[in-house]
Amino acid sequence: MERLNSKLYVENCYIMKENEKLRKKAELLNQENQQLLVQLKQKLSKANKNPNGSNNDNNVSSSSSASGKS
């Protein structure tokens, strides 16, 4: 019985460690999403203020990208 408890304890510790990693990753993704939302709102606001003007800025997330984050 003690052996089973030890095995379950180690497994639980591993799961808690993985959960913490996932929480941190989720927080980073949330922050990135918030930044992208602000950029999108700014771009839409500019587009609405100048509907007939040329708007060649197609890079909404030029400073922030999801690629390379794993």
Protein backbone atom coordinates (compact mmCIF):
# COMPACT_ATOMS: atom_id res chain seq x y z
CA MET A 1 0.00 0.00 0.00
CA GLU A 2 2.81 2.41 0.86
CA ARG A 3 4.46 1.67 -2.49
CA LEU A 4 1.25 2.54 -4.33
CA ASN A 5 0.94 5.77 -2.34
CA SER A 6 4.51 6.70 -3.22
CA LYS A 7 3.87 6.05 -6.90
CA LEU A 8 0.68 8.13 -6.82
CA TYR A 9 2.48 10.91 -4.96
CA VAL A 10 5.22 11.08 -7.61
CA GLU A 11 2.63 11.05 -10.40
CA ASN A 12 0.68 13.81 -8.68
CA CYS A 13 3.83 15.93 -8.33
CA TYR A 14 4.51 15.51 -12.04
CA ILE A 15 0.94 16.52 -12.92
CA MET A 16 1.13 19.60 -10.70
CA LYS A 17 4.40 20.64 -12.34
CA GLU A 18 2.89 20.23 -15.81
CA ASN A 19 -0.19 22.20 -14.75
CA GLU A 20 2.00 25.07 -13.59
CA LYS A 21 3.82 25.09 -16.94
CA LEU A 22 0.48 25.16 -18.75
CA ARG A 23 -0.80 27.98 -16.52
CA LYS A 24 2.26 30.07 -17.33
CA LYS A 25 1.90 29.37 -21.04
CA ALA A 26 -1.80 30.25 -20.92
CA GLU A 27 -0.97 33.53 -19.17
CA LEU A 28 1.60 34.42 -21.85
CA LEU A 29 -0.88 33.60 -24.59
CA ASN A 30 -3.53 35.70 -22.89
CA GLN A 31 -1.15 38.65 -22.67
CA GLU A 32 -0.26 38.27 -26.34
CA ASN A 33 -3.95 38.09 -27.28
CA GLN A 34 -4.63 41.26 -25.32
CA GLN A 35 -1.79 43.05 -27.11
CA LEU A 36 -3.06 41.88 -30.49
CA LEU A 37 -6.59 43.00 -29.62
CA VAL A 38 -5.31 46.48 -28.74
CA GLN A 39 -3.40 46.64 -32.03
CA LEU A 40 -6.46 45.49 -33.97
CA LYS A 41 -8.70 48.06 -32.28
CA GLN A 42 -6.17 50.80 -33.04
CA LYS A 43 -5.97 49.74 -36.67
CA LEU A 44 -9.76 49.60 -36.99
CA SER A 45 -10.06 52.98 -35.33
CA LYS A 46 -7.60 54.49 -37.80
CA ALA A 47 -9.40 52.84 -40.72
CA ASN A 48 -12.74 54.23 -39.54
CA LYS A 49 -11.32 57.75 -39.18
CA ASN A 50 -9.90 57.68 -42.72
CA PRO A 51 -12.18 55.43 -44.83
CA ASN A 52 -11.08 56.91 -48.20
CA GLY A 53 -7.37 57.10 -47.43
CA SER A 54 -4.88 54.46 -48.44
CA ASN A 55 -4.14 52.01 -45.67
CA ASN A 56 -1.26 49.76 -46.66
CA ASP A 57 -0.38 48.61 -43.14
CA ASN A 58 -1.41 44.96 -43.32
CA ASN A 59 0.87 43.77 -40.51
CA VAL A 60 -1.33 43.93 -37.42
CA SER A 61 1.12 41.94 -35.30
CA SER A 62 4.46 43.17 -36.55
CA SER A 63 5.94 43.31 -33.04
CA SER A 64 4.26 40.20 -31.62
CA SER A 65 4.03 36.80 -33.19
CA ALA A 66 2.80 33.39 -31.96
CA SER A 67 5.39 31.57 -34.02
CA GLY A 68 8.42 30.38 -32.13
CA LYS A 69 6.59 30.15 -28.81
CA SER A 70 6.13 26.59 -27.71
